């Protein structure tokens, strides 16, 4: 069931040829929150069923974090992005609670 769910997530939310997933099918924007909660679920799944093939997905979410979500200049993670991973809007929105959640997951 878990593998079928992961396949469904890929089929409906993965962007062909691009890193990461959308938060809903057909969305033209991206966000950090759905990636954070996906990482949280993958880590929990990996802890319960370590033999399940989720390590590569965990690495992929971490790669999205490193390459697209995390801004090394400000040390923050923006909330919203365009489909090409550029921050959405003139001003980046940062939620301190989400930064703390990322910190907990990365520990």
Foldseek 3Di string as FASTA:
>chain_A
DVVVVVVVQCVAFNDPPDADTAPGGPDQKHFLVVLLVVLVVLVVVCVVPVVPPSPVVNVSSVVCCVPAAADVVVRFGFTIGGNNRHAPDPDGHGDVVVVVSVVVSVD
